[in-house]
Amino acid sequence: MFGIESASGPEGAALIIGLVLVEALILYVGYGALERLLGPTLTRILRGE
């Protein structure tokens, strides 16, 4: 899909590590934003307020 199938050796390893780190950063930012938007509302619902 991204052409990483043909990457091999140290360059392939570095590419895969880089992609995993970028994915982790995107998930971290995305879940942080989601928690910031929905966290207070969900907390109030769970507390029954």
N, C-alpha and C. Protein backbone atom coordinates (compact mmCIF):
# COMPACT_ATOMS: atom_id res chain seq x y z
N MET A 1 0.82 -1.18 0.00
CA MET A 1 0.00 0.00 0.00
C MET A 1 0.87 1.26 0.00
N PHE A 2 1.88 1.31 0.84
CA PHE A 2 2.77 2.46 0.90
C PHE A 2 4.11 2.19 0.22
N GLY A 3 4.28 0.99 -0.29
CA GLY A 3 5.54 0.63 -0.92
C GLY A 3 6.61 0.19 0.04
N ILE A 4 6.24 -0.08 1.29
CA ILE A 4 7.25 -0.50 2.26
C ILE A 4 7.58 -1.98 2.12
N GLU A 5 6.80 -2.68 1.28
CA GLU A 5 7.07 -4.11 1.10
C GLU A 5 8.43 -4.33 0.45
N SER A 6 8.85 -3.39 -0.38
CA SER A 6 10.12 -3.54 -1.09
C SER A 6 11.30 -3.02 -0.28
N ALA A 7 11.06 -2.36 0.83
CA ALA A 7 12.14 -1.84 1.66
C ALA A 7 12.76 -3.00 2.44
N SER A 8 14.09 -3.05 2.39
CA SER A 8 14.77 -4.13 3.11
C SER A 8 16.05 -3.59 3.73
N GLY A 9 16.62 -4.38 4.58
CA GLY A 9 17.87 -3.99 5.22
C GLY A 9 17.67 -2.88 6.23
N PRO A 10 18.75 -2.19 6.54
CA PRO A 10 18.67 -1.11 7.53
C PRO A 10 17.72 0.02 7.12
N GLU A 11 17.66 0.32 5.83
CA GLU A 11 16.76 1.38 5.37
C GLU A 11 15.30 0.98 5.60
N GLY A 12 14.98 -0.27 5.33
CA GLY A 12 13.62 -0.76 5.57
C GLY A 12 13.26 -0.73 7.04
N ALA A 13 14.22 -1.13 7.87
CA ALA A 13 13.97 -1.11 9.31
C ALA A 13 13.74 0.31 9.80
N ALA A 14 14.56 1.24 9.33
CA ALA A 14 14.40 2.64 9.73
C ALA A 14 13.07 3.19 9.25
N LEU A 15 12.65 2.81 8.04
CA LEU A 15 11.38 3.27 7.50
C LEU A 15 10.21 2.76 8.34
N ILE A 16 10.25 1.50 8.69
CA ILE A 16 9.16 0.92 9.49
C ILE A 16 9.13 1.54 10.88
N ILE A 17 10.28 1.73 11.49
CA ILE A 17 10.33 2.36 12.81
C ILE A 17 9.78 3.78 12.73
N GLY A 18 10.16 4.51 11.69
CA GLY A 18 9.64 5.86 11.51
C GLY A 18 8.13 5.88 11.34
N LEU A 19 7.60 4.95 10.55
CA LEU A 19 6.15 4.89 10.36
C LEU A 19 5.42 4.55 11.65
N VAL A 20 5.98 3.65 12.43
CA VAL A 20 5.36 3.29 13.71
C VAL A 20 5.36 4.49 14.65
N LEU A 21 6.46 5.24 14.68
CA LEU A 21 6.52 6.41 15.54
C LEU A 21 5.54 7.50 15.10
N VAL A 22 5.40 7.70 13.80
CA VAL A 22 4.43 8.67 13.29
C VAL A 22 3.01 8.24 13.65
N GLU A 23 2.72 6.95 13.48
CA GLU A 23 1.39 6.44 13.84
C GLU A 23 1.12 6.65 15.33
N ALA A 24 2.12 6.36 16.17
CA ALA A 24 1.95 6.54 17.61
C ALA A 24 1.69 8.01 17.95
N LEU A 25 2.39 8.91 17.29
CA LEU A 25 2.19 10.34 17.53
C LEU A 25 0.80 10.78 17.12
N ILE A 26 0.34 10.31 15.97
CA ILE A 26 -1.01 10.65 15.51
C ILE A 26 -2.06 10.13 16.49
N LEU A 27 -1.91 8.90 16.94
CA LEU A 27 -2.86 8.34 17.90
C LEU A 27 -2.82 9.10 19.23
N TYR A 28 -1.63 9.46 19.68
CA TYR A 28 -1.48 10.19 20.94
C TYR A 28 -2.21 11.53 20.87
N VAL A 29 -1.98 12.26 19.79
CA VAL A 29 -2.62 13.57 19.62
C VAL A 29 -4.12 13.40 19.45
N GLY A 30 -4.53 12.42 18.65
CA GLY A 30 -5.95 12.21 18.39
C GLY A 30 -6.72 11.82 19.64
N TYR A 31 -6.18 10.88 20.40
CA TYR A 31 -6.86 10.46 21.62
C TYR A 31 -6.83 11.56 22.68
N GLY A 32 -5.76 12.35 22.70
CA GLY A 32 -5.70 13.48 23.63
C GLY A 32 -6.78 14.51 23.32
N ALA A 33 -6.95 14.81 22.04
CA ALA A 33 -7.99 15.76 21.64
C ALA A 33 -9.38 15.20 21.95
N LEU A 34 -9.57 13.92 21.68
CA LEU A 34 -10.86 13.29 21.95
C LEU A 34 -11.18 13.32 23.44
N GLU A 35 -10.17 13.04 24.26
CA GLU A 35 -10.37 13.06 25.71
C GLU A 35 -10.68 14.47 26.19
N ARG A 36 -10.01 15.45 25.60
CA ARG A 36 -10.24 16.84 26.00
C ARG A 36 -11.65 17.29 25.64
N LEU A 37 -12.15 16.83 24.50
CA LEU A 37 -13.49 17.22 24.06
C LEU A 37 -14.59 16.47 24.81
N LEU A 38 -14.41 15.17 24.99
CA LEU A 38 -15.48 14.34 25.55
C LEU A 38 -15.31 14.00 27.03
N GLY A 39 -14.12 14.19 27.56
CA GLY A 39 -13.84 13.80 28.94
C GLY A 39 -14.76 14.41 29.97
N PRO A 40 -14.90 15.73 29.99
CA PRO A 40 -15.78 16.34 31.01
C PRO A 40 -17.23 15.87 30.90
N THR A 41 -17.72 15.74 29.69
CA THR A 41 -19.11 15.30 29.50
C THR A 41 -19.29 13.87 30.00
N LEU A 42 -18.38 12.99 29.64
CA LEU A 42 -18.48 11.60 30.09
C LEU A 42 -18.34 11.49 31.60
N THR A 43 -17.48 12.30 32.18
CA THR A 43 -17.32 12.29 33.63
C THR A 43 -18.62 12.69 34.32
N ARG A 44 -19.26 13.75 33.82
CA ARG A 44 -20.54 14.18 34.41
C ARG A 44 -21.61 13.09 34.26
N ILE A 45 -21.64 12.43 33.11
CA ILE A 45 -22.63 11.36 32.89
C ILE A 45 -22.39 10.21 33.87
N LEU A 46 -21.14 9.81 34.02
CA LEU A 46 -20.83 8.69 34.91
C LEU A 46 -21.09 9.03 36.37
N ARG A 47 -20.91 10.28 36.75
CA ARG A 47 -21.19 10.70 38.12
C ARG A 47 -22.67 10.91 38.37
N GLY A 48 -23.44 10.98 37.31
CA GLY A 48 -24.88 11.16 37.44
C GLY A 48 -25.29 12.59 37.66
N GLU A 49 -24.49 13.50 37.24
CA GLU A 49 -24.79 14.93 37.43
C GLU A 49 -25.61 15.46 36.28
